[in-house]
C-alpha atoms as a PDB file:
ATOM      1  CA  MET A   1      43.716  85.349 -69.887  1.00  0.00           C
ATOM      2  CA  SER A   2      39.952  84.397 -70.454  1.00  0.00           C
ATOM      3  CA  LEU A   3      37.549  83.722 -67.659  1.00  0.00           C
ATOM      4  CA  ILE A   4      37.569  80.282 -67.553  1.00  0.00           C
ATOM      5  CA  HIS A   5      41.490  79.867 -67.742  1.00  0.00           C
ATOM      6  CA  ASP A   6      41.926  81.767 -64.841  1.00  0.00           C
ATOM      7  CA  ILE A   7      38.893  79.454 -63.196  1.00  0.00           C
ATOM      8  CA  GLN A   8      40.772  76.192 -64.492  1.00  0.00           C
ATOM      9  CA  ALA A   9      43.905  77.962 -62.684  1.00  0.00           C
ATOM     10  CA  ALA A  10      42.613  78.572 -59.700  1.00  0.00           C
ATOM     11  CA  SER A  11      40.760  74.932 -59.425  1.00  0.00           C
ATOM     12  CA  ILE A  12      44.209  73.172 -59.911  1.00  0.00           C
ATOM     13  CA  ALA A  13      46.205  75.683 -57.469  1.00  0.00           C
ATOM     14  CA  ARG A  14      46.871  73.927 -54.287  1.00  0.00           C
ATOM     15  CA  ASP A  15      46.015  76.902 -51.920  1.00  0.00           C
ATOM     16  CA  SER A  16      43.493  78.831 -54.165  1.00  0.00           C
ATOM     17  CA  ASP A  17      40.753  80.794 -52.061  1.00  0.00           C
ATOM     18  CA  VAL A  18      37.533  78.545 -52.929  1.00  0.00           C
ATOM     19  CA  PRO A  19      34.971  81.565 -52.430  1.00  0.00           C
ATOM     20  CA  SER A  20      36.622  83.567 -55.092  1.00  0.00           C
ATOM     21  CA  LEU A  21      36.902  80.745 -57.174  1.00  0.00           C
ATOM     22  CA  LEU A  22      33.358  80.297 -57.026  1.00  0.00           C
ATOM     23  CA  ARG A  23      32.804  84.087 -57.188  1.00  0.00           C
ATOM     24  CA  MET A  24      34.146  83.965 -60.475  1.00  0.00           C
ATOM     25  CA  CYS A  25      32.157  80.878 -61.416  1.00  0.00           C
ATOM     26  CA  LYS A  26      29.132  83.347 -60.297  1.00  0.00           C
ATOM     27  CA  LEU A  27      30.622  85.615 -63.658  1.00  0.00           C
ATOM     28  CA  LEU A  28      30.516  82.337 -65.716  1.00  0.00           C
ATOM     29  CA  ALA A  29      27.098  81.348 -65.260  1.00  0.00           C
ATOM     30  CA  ALA A  30      25.845  84.878 -66.224  1.00  0.00           C
ATOM     31  CA  ARG A  31      27.828  85.119 -69.174  1.00  0.00           C
ATOM     32  CA  ILE A  32      26.563  81.304 -70.544  1.00  0.00           C
ATOM     33  CA  SER A  33      22.828  81.701 -68.712  1.00  0.00           C
ATOM     34  CA  HIS A  34      23.215  78.782 -67.264  1.00  0.00           C
ATOM     35  CA  THR A  35      19.953  78.979 -64.231  1.00  0.00           C
ATOM     36  CA  ALA A  36      21.508  75.533 -62.659  1.00  0.00           C
ATOM     37  CA  PHE A  37      24.824  76.458 -62.577  1.00  0.00           C
ATOM     38  CA  ALA A  38      24.245  79.920 -61.461  1.00  0.00           C
ATOM     39  CA  GLN A  39      22.112  77.965 -58.665  1.00  0.00           C
ATOM     40  CA  TRP A  40      24.262  75.631 -57.657  1.00  0.00           C
ATOM     41  CA  VAL A  41      27.081  78.408 -57.040  1.00  0.00           C
ATOM     42  CA  ASP A  42      25.235  80.408 -55.136  1.00  0.00           C
ATOM     43  CA  HIS A  43      24.487  77.820 -52.714  1.00  0.00           C
ATOM     44  CA  GLU A  44      28.070  76.911 -51.998  1.00  0.00           C
ATOM     45  CA  LEU A  45      28.540  80.415 -51.460  1.00  0.00           C
ATOM     46  CA  SER A  46      26.073  81.686 -49.613  1.00  0.00           C
ATOM     47  CA  GLY A  47      25.191  78.256 -47.789  1.00  0.00           C
ATOM     48  CA  TYR A  48      21.848  75.605 -47.989  1.00  0.00           C
ATOM     49  CA  PRO A  49      18.520  76.683 -47.171  1.00  0.00           C
ATOM     50  CA  ASP A  50      17.256  72.966 -46.743  1.00  0.00           C
ATOM     51  CA  VAL A  51      19.289  69.961 -45.028  1.00  0.00           C
ATOM     52  CA  ASP A  52      17.689  68.090 -48.297  1.00  0.00           C
ATOM     53  CA  ASP A  53      19.594  69.345 -50.972  1.00  0.00           C
ATOM     54  CA  LEU A  54      23.079  68.965 -49.767  1.00  0.00           C
ATOM     55  CA  PRO A  55      25.630  67.228 -52.174  1.00  0.00           C
ATOM     56  CA  ASP A  56      26.804  64.134 -51.154  1.00  0.00           C
ATOM     57  CA  TYR A  57      30.114  65.875 -50.100  1.00  0.00           C
ATOM     58  CA  ARG A  58      28.603  68.125 -47.312  1.00  0.00           C
ATOM     59  CA  VAL A  59      27.335  64.990 -45.577  1.00  0.00           C
ATOM     60  CA  VAL A  60      29.493  63.164 -43.724  1.00  0.00           C
ATOM     61  CA  ARG A  61      29.004  60.018 -41.329  1.00  0.00           C
ATOM     62  CA  VAL A  62      30.454  60.979 -37.717  1.00  0.00           C
ATOM     63  CA  ASP A  63      30.355  60.133 -34.095  1.00  0.00           C
ATOM     64  CA  SER A  64      29.249  62.184 -31.171  1.00  0.00           C
ATOM     65  CA  TYR A  65      30.332  62.646 -27.677  1.00  0.00           C
ATOM     66  CA  GLY A  66      29.095  64.165 -24.537  1.00  0.00           C
ATOM     67  CA  ALA A  67      30.234  65.469 -21.128  1.00  0.00           C
ATOM     68  CA  PHE A  68      29.033  64.076 -18.240  1.00  0.00           C
ATOM     69  CA  VAL A  69      28.870  65.431 -14.171  1.00  0.00           C
ATOM     70  CA  GLY A  70      27.570  62.954 -11.321  1.00  0.00           C
ATOM     71  CA  SER A  71      28.149  63.338  -7.389  1.00  0.00           C
ATOM     72  CA  TYR A  72      32.022  62.779  -7.321  1.00  0.00           C
ATOM     73  CA  GLN A  73      33.098  62.484 -10.653  1.00  0.00           C
ATOM     74  CA  ARG A  74      33.402  64.019 -14.213  1.00  0.00           C
ATOM     75  CA  ALA A  75      33.896  62.930 -17.519  1.00  0.00           C
ATOM     76  CA  ASN A  76      34.848  65.228 -20.228  1.00  0.00           C
ATOM     77  CA  LYS A  77      34.015  63.390 -23.252  1.00  0.00           C
ATOM     78  CA  LEU A  78      32.619  59.337 -23.960  1.00  0.00           C
ATOM     79  CA  GLN A  79      31.042  58.207 -26.950  1.00  0.00           C
ATOM     80  CA  ILE A  80      27.089  58.806 -27.449  1.00  0.00           C
ATOM     81  CA  PRO A  81      26.206  56.162 -29.564  1.00  0.00           C
ATOM     82  CA  VAL A  82      22.946  57.332 -31.655  1.00  0.00           C
ATOM     83  CA  ASP A  83      20.895  53.804 -30.304  1.00  0.00           C
ATOM     84  CA  ILE A  84      20.340  56.012 -27.223  1.00  0.00           C
ATOM     85  CA  LEU A  85      17.865  58.356 -29.306  1.00  0.00           C
ATOM     86  CA  PRO A  86      14.444  57.716 -30.598  1.00  0.00           C
ATOM     87  CA  ILE A  87      14.546  55.830 -33.800  1.00  0.00           C
ATOM     88  CA  GLU A  88      13.078  58.900 -35.790  1.00  0.00           C
ATOM     89  CA  LEU A  89      16.464  61.011 -35.127  1.00  0.00           C
ATOM     90  CA  ARG A  90      18.930  58.165 -35.233  1.00  0.00           C
ATOM     91  CA  GLU A  91      19.528  59.172 -38.840  1.00  0.00           C
ATOM     92  CA  ARG A  92      19.987  62.664 -38.375  1.00  0.00           C
ATOM     93  CA  TYR A  93      22.710  62.442 -35.478  1.00  0.00           C
ATOM     94  CA  ARG A  94      24.575  60.165 -37.428  1.00  0.00           C
ATOM     95  CA  HIS A  95      25.862  62.232 -39.884  1.00  0.00           C
ATOM     96  CA  ALA A  96      26.665  66.126 -40.185  1.00  0.00           C
ATOM     97  CA  TYR A  97      24.839  68.357 -42.632  1.00  0.00           C
ATOM     98  CA  MET A  98      27.726  70.634 -43.540  1.00  0.00           C
ATOM     99  CA  GLY A  99      25.014  73.340 -44.974  1.00  0.00           C
ATOM    100  CA  ALA A 100      26.845  76.515 -44.448  1.00  0.00           C
ATOM    101  CA  SER A 101      28.741  79.089 -46.764  1.00  0.00           C
ATOM    102  CA  ILE A 102      32.104  77.960 -48.141  1.00  0.00           C
ATOM    103  CA  SER A 103      33.521  80.725 -46.450  1.00  0.00           C
ATOM    104  CA  ALA A 104      32.636  79.621 -42.807  1.00  0.00           C
ATOM    105  CA  TYR A 105      34.827  76.723 -43.987  1.00  0.00           C
ATOM    106  CA  THR A 106      37.508  78.114 -45.285  1.00  0.00           C
ATOM    107  CA  ALA A 107      38.078  80.234 -42.260  1.00  0.00           C
ATOM    108  CA  LEU A 108      38.147  76.810 -39.727  1.00  0.00           C
ATOM    109  CA  LEU A 109      40.912  75.703 -41.833  1.00  0.00           C
ATOM    110  CA  SER A 110      42.561  79.010 -41.971  1.00  0.00           C
ATOM    111  CA  ASP A 111      42.555  79.533 -38.588  1.00  0.00           C
ATOM    112  CA  GLY A 112      44.644  76.074 -38.147  1.00  0.00           C
ATOM    113  CA  THR A 113      41.873  74.050 -36.268  1.00  0.00           C
ATOM    114  CA  SER A 114      42.946  70.738 -36.138  1.00  0.00           C
ATOM    115  CA  GLY A 115      41.609  67.132 -35.911  1.00  0.00           C
ATOM    116  CA  SER A 116      37.626  68.114 -35.339  1.00  0.00           C
ATOM    117  CA  VAL A 117      35.175  70.796 -35.008  1.00  0.00           C
ATOM    118  CA  GLN A 118      31.623  70.320 -32.984  1.00  0.00           C
ATOM    119  CA  ASP A 119      28.243  70.355 -34.010  1.00  0.00           C
ATOM    120  CA  HIS A 120      26.448  70.680 -31.036  1.00  0.00           C
ATOM    121  CA  TRP A 121      23.386  69.308 -30.093  1.00  0.00           C
ATOM    122  CA  PRO A 122      20.273  70.815 -28.841  1.00  0.00           C
ATOM    123  CA  VAL A 123      21.052  71.256 -25.000  1.00  0.00           C
ATOM    124  CA  GLY A 124      17.391  69.239 -24.208  1.00  0.00           C
ATOM    125  CA  LEU A 125      18.420  66.615 -26.154  1.00  0.00           C
ATOM    126  CA  ALA A 126      21.468  65.946 -24.732  1.00  0.00           C
ATOM    127  CA  ILE A 127      19.876  66.197 -20.896  1.00  0.00           C
ATOM    128  CA  HIS A 128      17.181  64.068 -21.625  1.00  0.00           C
ATOM    129  CA  HIS A 129      18.394  61.433 -23.998  1.00  0.00           C
ATOM    130  CA  ALA A 130      21.994  61.428 -23.466  1.00  0.00           C
ATOM    131  CA  SER A 131      22.227  60.961 -20.522  1.00  0.00           C
ATOM    132  CA  LYS A 132      20.350  57.327 -20.019  1.00  0.00           C
ATOM    133  CA  LEU A 133      24.311  56.097 -21.237  1.00  0.00           C
ATOM    134  CA  THR A 134      25.359  56.618 -17.553  1.00  0.00           C
ATOM    135  CA  PRO A 135      22.988  56.147 -14.693  1.00  0.00           C
ATOM    136  CA  ASN A 136      25.444  57.901 -12.456  1.00  0.00           C
ATOM    137  CA  MET A 137      26.114  60.858 -13.733  1.00  0.00           C
ATOM    138  CA  GLN A 138      23.985  63.447 -16.223  1.00  0.00           C
ATOM    139  CA  CYS A 139      25.038  64.567 -20.049  1.00  0.00           C
ATOM    140  CA  ILE A 140      25.714  68.947 -19.633  1.00  0.00           C
ATOM    141  CA  GLU A 141      26.486  69.035 -23.414  1.00  0.00           C
ATOM    142  CA  ALA A 142      26.990  66.368 -26.899  1.00  0.00           C
ATOM    143  CA  TRP A 143      28.605  67.104 -29.800  1.00  0.00           C
ATOM    144  CA  LYS A 144      28.984  66.006 -32.987  1.00  0.00           C
ATOM    145  CA  GLU A 145      32.741  65.665 -33.915  1.00  0.00           C
ATOM    146  CA  ILE A 146      33.629  66.506 -37.734  1.00  0.00           C
ATOM    147  CA  PRO A 147      36.534  65.188 -39.275  1.00  0.00           C
ATOM    148  CA  ILE A 148      38.826  68.058 -40.535  1.00  0.00           C
ATOM    149  CA  GLY A 149      39.671  65.845 -43.557  1.00  0.00           C
ATOM    150  CA  ALA A 150      36.073  65.667 -44.227  1.00  0.00           C
ATOM    151  CA  ILE A 151      35.944  69.799 -45.032  1.00  0.00           C
ATOM    152  CA  VAL A 152      39.439  69.129 -46.745  1.00  0.00           C
ATOM    153  CA  ARG A 153      37.092  66.708 -48.675  1.00  0.00           C
ATOM    154  CA  LEU A 154      34.288  69.395 -48.989  1.00  0.00           C
ATOM    155  CA  LEU A 155      36.684  72.188 -50.502  1.00  0.00           C
ATOM    156  CA  ASP A 156      38.554  69.476 -52.766  1.00  0.00           C
ATOM    157  CA  SER A 157      35.095  68.265 -54.314  1.00  0.00           C
ATOM    158  CA  VAL A 158      34.338  71.631 -55.455  1.00  0.00           C
ATOM    159  CA  LYS A 159      37.155  72.739 -56.730  1.00  0.00           C
ATOM    160  CA  THR A 160      37.232  69.349 -58.836  1.00  0.00           C
ATOM    161  CA  SER A 161      33.828  70.163 -59.960  1.00  0.00           C
ATOM    162  CA  VAL A 162      34.630  73.079 -61.377  1.00  0.00           C
ATOM    163  CA  LEU A 163      37.368  71.926 -62.951  1.00  0.00           C
ATOM    164  CA  GLY A 164      35.530  69.382 -64.602  1.00  0.00           C
ATOM    165  CA  PHE A 165      32.943  71.876 -65.660  1.00  0.00           C
ATOM    166  CA  VAL A 166      35.161  74.195 -66.941  1.00  0.00           C
ATOM    167  CA  ILE A 167      37.229  71.674 -69.194  1.00  0.00           C
ATOM    168  CA  ASP A 168      34.458  70.134 -70.545  1.00  0.00           C
ATOM    169  CA  LEU A 169      32.519  73.523 -71.312  1.00  0.00           C
ATOM    170  CA  GLU A 170      35.861  74.959 -73.095  1.00  0.00           C
ATOM    171  CA  ARG A 171      36.311  71.920 -75.062  1.00  0.00           C
ATOM    172  CA  GLU A 172      33.165  72.602 -77.012  1.00  0.00           C
ATOM    173  CA  ALA A 173      32.806  76.641 -76.515  1.00  0.00           C
ATOM    174  CA  PRO A 174      36.331  78.105 -76.220  1.00  0.00           C
ATOM    175  CA  ASP A 175      35.011  81.145 -75.940  1.00  0.00           C
ATOM    176  CA  ALA A 176      31.893  80.982 -73.404  1.00  0.00           C
ATOM    177  CA  GLY A 177      33.448  82.985 -71.253  1.00  0.00           C
ATOM    178  CA  GLU A 178      33.878  85.666 -72.923  1.00  0.00           C
ATOM    179  CA  LEU A 179      30.276  86.011 -73.888  1.00  0.00           C
ATOM    180  CA  PRO A 180      27.669  89.437 -73.087  1.00  0.00           C
ATOM    181  CA  ILE A 181      26.208  88.931 -70.218  1.00  0.00           C
ATOM    182  CA  GLY A 182      22.493  88.584 -71.538  1.00  0.00           C
ATOM    183  CA  SER A 183      23.963  87.318 -75.131  1.00  0.00           C
ATOM    184  CA  GLN A 184      22.528  84.147 -76.152  1.00  0.00           C
ATOM    185  CA  PRO A 185      23.892  80.600 -74.592  1.00  0.00           C
ATOM    186  CA  PRO A 186      26.913  79.025 -76.126  1.00  0.00           C
ATOM    187  CA  LEU A 187      25.406  75.810 -76.317  1.00  0.00           C
ATOM    188  CA  SER A 188      21.830  74.879 -75.653  1.00  0.00           C
ATOM    189  CA  SER A 189      20.307  73.808 -72.656  1.00  0.00           C
ATOM    190  CA  GLU A 190      20.020  69.980 -73.252  1.00  0.00           C
ATOM    191  CA  ARG A 191      23.920  69.932 -73.907  1.00  0.00           C
ATOM    192  CA  MET A 192      24.901  72.613 -71.186  1.00  0.00           C
ATOM    193  CA  THR A 193      22.677  70.390 -68.444  1.00  0.00           C
ATOM    194  CA  GLN A 194      24.902  67.076 -69.678  1.00  0.00           C
ATOM    195  CA  ILE A 195      27.912  68.892 -68.762  1.00  0.00           C
ATOM    196  CA  PHE A 196      26.528  70.041 -65.422  1.00  0.00           C
ATOM    197  CA  ASN A 197      24.814  66.917 -64.287  1.00  0.00           C
ATOM    198  CA  THR A 198      28.028  65.125 -65.497  1.00  0.00           C
ATOM    199  CA  ASN A 199      30.376  66.933 -63.670  1.00  0.00           C
ATOM    200  CA  ILE A 200      28.294  68.376 -60.374  1.00  0.00           C
ATOM    201  CA  SER A 201      24.870  67.172 -60.434  1.00  0.00           C
ATOM    202  CA  GLY A 202      26.065  64.186 -60.825  1.00  0.00           C
ATOM    203  CA  ASN A 203      28.991  64.482 -57.653  1.00  0.00           C
ATOM    204  CA  VAL A 204      25.538  66.313 -55.669  1.00  0.00           C
ATOM    205  CA  GLY A 205      23.263  63.326 -56.012  1.00  0.00           C
ATOM    206  CA  ASN A 206      20.965  65.433 -57.093  1.00  0.00           C
ATOM    207  CA  VAL A 207      19.540  64.973 -60.891  1.00  0.00           C
ATOM    208  CA  ALA A 208      18.486  68.340 -63.177  1.00  0.00           C
ATOM    209  CA  ASN A 209      16.086  66.773 -65.761  1.00  0.00           C
ATOM    210  CA  ALA A 210      18.205  67.912 -69.442  1.00  0.00           C
ATOM    211  CA  SER A 211      15.693  70.625 -70.049  1.00  0.00           C
ATOM    212  CA  SER A 212      15.576  74.191 -69.185  1.00  0.00           C
ATOM    213  CA  ASP A 213      13.969  74.414 -66.725  1.00  0.00           C
ATOM    214  CA  PHE A 214      16.011  73.178 -63.160  1.00  0.00           C
ATOM    215  CA  SER A 215      14.763  71.266 -60.091  1.00  0.00           C
ATOM    216  CA  GLN A 216      16.587  69.188 -57.803  1.00  0.00           C
ATOM    217  CA  SER A 217      14.934  66.572 -55.428  1.00  0.00           C
ATOM    218  CA  SER A 218      16.184  65.269 -51.677  1.00  0.00           C
ATOM    219  CA  THR A 219      18.918  62.950 -51.546  1.00  0.00           C
ATOM    220  CA  THR A 220      17.880  59.983 -49.257  1.00  0.00           C
ATOM    221  CA  VAL A 221      21.009  58.108 -48.038  1.00  0.00           C
ATOM    222  CA  VAL A 222      21.494  54.586 -48.767  1.00  0.00           C
ATOM    223  CA  GLN A 223      21.693  52.332 -45.405  1.00  0.00           C
ATOM    224  CA  PRO A 224      23.413  48.679 -45.891  1.00  0.00           C
ATOM    225  CA  GLY A 225      20.688  46.582 -46.075  1.00  0.00           C
ATOM    226  CA  SER A 226      17.568  48.588 -45.985  1.00  0.00           C
ATOM    227  CA  TRP A 227      15.538  47.982 -49.384  1.00  0.00           C
ATOM    228  CA  GLN A 228      13.212  51.009 -48.221  1.00  0.00           C
ATOM    229  CA  SER A 229      16.165  53.637 -48.479  1.00  0.00           C
ATOM    230  CA  LEU A 230      17.476  52.043 -51.740  1.00  0.00           C
ATOM    231  CA  GLN A 231      14.001  52.227 -53.474  1.00  0.00           C
ATOM    232  CA  ALA A 232      13.463  55.344 -52.203  1.00  0.00           C
ATOM    233  CA  ARG A 233      17.319  56.372 -53.597  1.00  0.00           C
ATOM    234  CA  LEU A 234      16.301  54.794 -57.190  1.00  0.00           C
ATOM    235  CA  LEU A 235      13.174  56.631 -57.430  1.00  0.00           C
ATOM    236  CA  GLU A 236      14.957  59.728 -56.675  1.00  0.00           C
ATOM    237  CA  LEU A 237      17.178  58.910 -59.581  1.00  0.00           C
ATOM    238  CA  GLY A 238      14.013  58.570 -61.963  1.00  0.00           C
ATOM    239  CA  LEU A 239      13.094  55.200 -61.952  1.00  0.00           C
ATOM    240  CA  THR A 240      10.049  53.499 -61.970  1.00  0.00           C
ATOM    241  CA  HIS A 241       8.470  51.301 -59.523  1.00  0.00           C
ATOM    242  CA  GLU A 242       8.160  48.548 -62.334  1.00  0.00           C
ATOM    243  CA  ASP A 243      11.843  49.434 -63.091  1.00  0.00           C
ATOM    244  CA  THR A 244      12.504  47.289 -59.616  1.00  0.00           C
ATOM    245  CA  ASP A 245      10.367  44.965 -60.048  1.00  0.00           C
ATOM    246  CA  GLY A 246      11.837  41.580 -58.374  1.00  0.00           C
ATOM    247  CA  LEU A 247      14.597  43.637 -57.297  1.00  0.00           C
ATOM    248  CA  GLN A 248      14.188  43.326 -53.917  1.00  0.00           C
ATOM    249  CA  ALA A 249      13.348  39.711 -53.552  1.00  0.00           C
ATOM    250  CA  GLU A 250      17.207  39.390 -55.342  1.00  0.00           C
ATOM    251  CA  VAL A 251      19.160  41.260 -53.520  1.00  0.00           C
ATOM    252  CA  GLU A 252      17.587  40.760 -50.024  1.00  0.00           C
ATOM    253  CA  GLN A 253      18.411  36.893 -50.895  1.00  0.00           C
ATOM    254  CA  VAL A 254      21.801  37.803 -52.436  1.00  0.00           C
ATOM    255  CA  LEU A 255      22.268  39.952 -48.583  1.00  0.00           C
ATOM    256  CA  ALA A 256      20.989  37.238 -46.661  1.00  0.00           C
ATOM    257  CA  THR A 257      22.734  34.198 -48.011  1.00  0.00           C
ATOM    258  CA  GLY A 258      25.052  35.436 -50.171  1.00  0.00           C
ATOM    259  CA  THR A 259      29.251  35.203 -50.498  1.00  0.00           C
ATOM    260  CA  GLN A 260      31.219  38.281 -50.565  1.00  0.00           C
ATOM    261  CA  GLU A 261      31.758  37.476 -54.285  1.00  0.00           C
ATOM    262  CA  ASP A 262      27.781  37.206 -54.607  1.00  0.00           C
ATOM    263  CA  LYS A 263      26.803  40.357 -54.208  1.00  0.00           C
ATOM    264  CA  GLN A 264      29.615  41.809 -55.676  1.00  0.00           C
ATOM    265  CA  ARG A 265      28.217  39.878 -58.831  1.00  0.00           C
ATOM    266  CA  THR A 266      24.554  40.619 -58.139  1.00  0.00           C
ATOM    267  CA  ALA A 267      25.342  43.932 -57.504  1.00  0.00           C
ATOM    268  CA  GLY A 268      26.879  44.536 -61.428  1.00  0.00           C
ATOM    269  CA  THR A 269      24.475  42.642 -62.629  1.00  0.00           C
ATOM    270  CA  CYS A 270      21.523  45.329 -61.012  1.00  0.00           C
ATOM    271  CA  ILE A 271      23.507  48.214 -61.857  1.00  0.00           C
ATOM    272  CA  GLY A 272      23.833  47.005 -65.302  1.00  0.00           C
ATOM    273  CA  ARG A 273      19.987  46.296 -65.820  1.00  0.00           C
ATOM    274  CA  LEU A 274      18.895  49.709 -63.874  1.00  0.00           C
ATOM    275  CA  VAL A 275      21.203  51.969 -65.852  1.00  0.00           C
ATOM    276  CA  GLY A 276      20.102  50.298 -69.244  1.00  0.00           C
ATOM    277  CA  LYS A 277      16.396  51.412 -68.560  1.00  0.00           C
ATOM    278  CA  ALA A 278      17.634  54.828 -67.744  1.00  0.00           C
ATOM    279  CA  ALA A 279      19.701  54.636 -70.577  1.00  0.00           C
ATOM    280  CA  SER A 280      16.994  53.542 -72.933  1.00  0.00           C
ATOM    281  CA  GLY A 281      14.971  57.023 -72.116  1.00  0.00           C
ATOM    282  CA  VAL A 282      12.449  55.141 -68.969  1.00  0.00           C
ATOM    283  CA  ALA A 283      14.005  57.385 -66.203  1.00  0.00           C
ATOM    284  CA  GLY A 284      14.488  60.251 -68.162  1.00  0.00           C
ATOM    285  CA  VAL A 285      16.969  61.718 -65.891  1.00  0.00           C
ATOM    286  CA  GLY A 286      20.916  62.330 -67.448  1.00  0.00           C
ATOM    287  CA  ILE A 287      22.743  59.277 -67.861  1.00  0.00           C
ATOM    288  CA  GLU A 288      25.632  59.920 -66.485  1.00  0.00           C
ATOM    289  CA  ALA A 289      24.146  61.032 -63.338  1.00  0.00           C
ATOM    290  CA  ALA A 290      21.891  58.481 -63.204  1.00  0.00           C
ATOM    291  CA  ALA A 291      24.631  55.933 -63.863  1.00  0.00           C
ATOM    292  CA  THR A 292      26.727  57.431 -60.881  1.00  0.00           C
ATOM    293  CA  GLY A 293      23.526  57.190 -58.493  1.00  0.00           C
ATOM    294  CA  ILE A 294      22.221  54.100 -59.251  1.00  0.00           C
ATOM    295  CA  ALA A 295      26.285  52.523 -58.506  1.00  0.00           C
ATOM    296  CA  LYS A 296      26.808  54.459 -55.898  1.00  0.00           C
ATOM    297  CA  ALA A 297      23.337  53.101 -54.504  1.00  0.00           C
ATOM    298  CA  ILE A 298      23.487  49.805 -54.938  1.00  0.00           C
ATOM    299  CA  ALA A 299      26.973  49.599 -53.170  1.00  0.00           C
ATOM    300  CA  ALA A 300      25.549  51.216 -50.253  1.00  0.00           C
ATOM    301  CA  TYR A 301      23.333  48.389 -49.588  1.00  0.00           C
ATOM    302  CA  PHE A 302      25.176  45.667 -50.191  1.00  0.00           C
ATOM    303  CA  GLY A 303      27.996  47.446 -48.097  1.00  0.00           C
ATOM    304  CA  LEU A 304      30.853  47.040 -50.657  1.00  0.00           C
ATOM    305  CA  ASN A 305      33.006  50.159 -50.730  1.00  0.00           C
ATOM    306  CA  GLY A 306      33.160  52.122 -54.362  1.00  0.00           C
END
């Protein structure tokens, strides 16, 4: 069986070992000489050094809890609203950032952990801020609770991204996986990057330019009703301030006074207009990745599902 077929089989198998799958992908990346794919595989295997580089599937909205003690009482688990934190810290503690190596998460599942896992707050932060929640008790520890389902989705997202990538690669270059390391890439760098953007970078939320050089920018999480976060995300996707002229007034008016139907209609119109600008070359990014990112950003702003 060829390397590509081995990767496809491992991607489909229900109980496949994801780190082993990624090591096969590392070999494939060397054979097809694609830097972007190799870098993504290395990050998945070794972990992401910066939370700003995390793919969307490695960032999950969570709740925080704490243990509190007082003179005559104790509470082992009380939910802690992030509003007790300084405003500059709230977003950080509203989400869990799963930047560890993929093997760390597969180990959690293989250990039979159920329900959730904990990502602890710094002790000083918990004592100083979370203690405000209970006047007669002090917080002695606090943590984010990451649902096990989020870890399962992380592993599934990696397998799905890999499967899509190798399917598209085989469609255009069936023998790509059997090339000697260091040989000429099987496809043009533009086409390889397009396949990467469609299957992996589009899911990550970061966009790679269609060139032989690969770079990523941080991904802004769009908050419902926040124009600043929406505009920041659109700029990350390669759109310009001129591309979004007039958009703020339009979306804010609909958000304030429009019905759910109005929001859905306006979201569709805005997505079509902005994707059109990306397609015309104004944005200079892969159109598939840009379209995905734009649609997600507009939907998140209006609080729409999907």
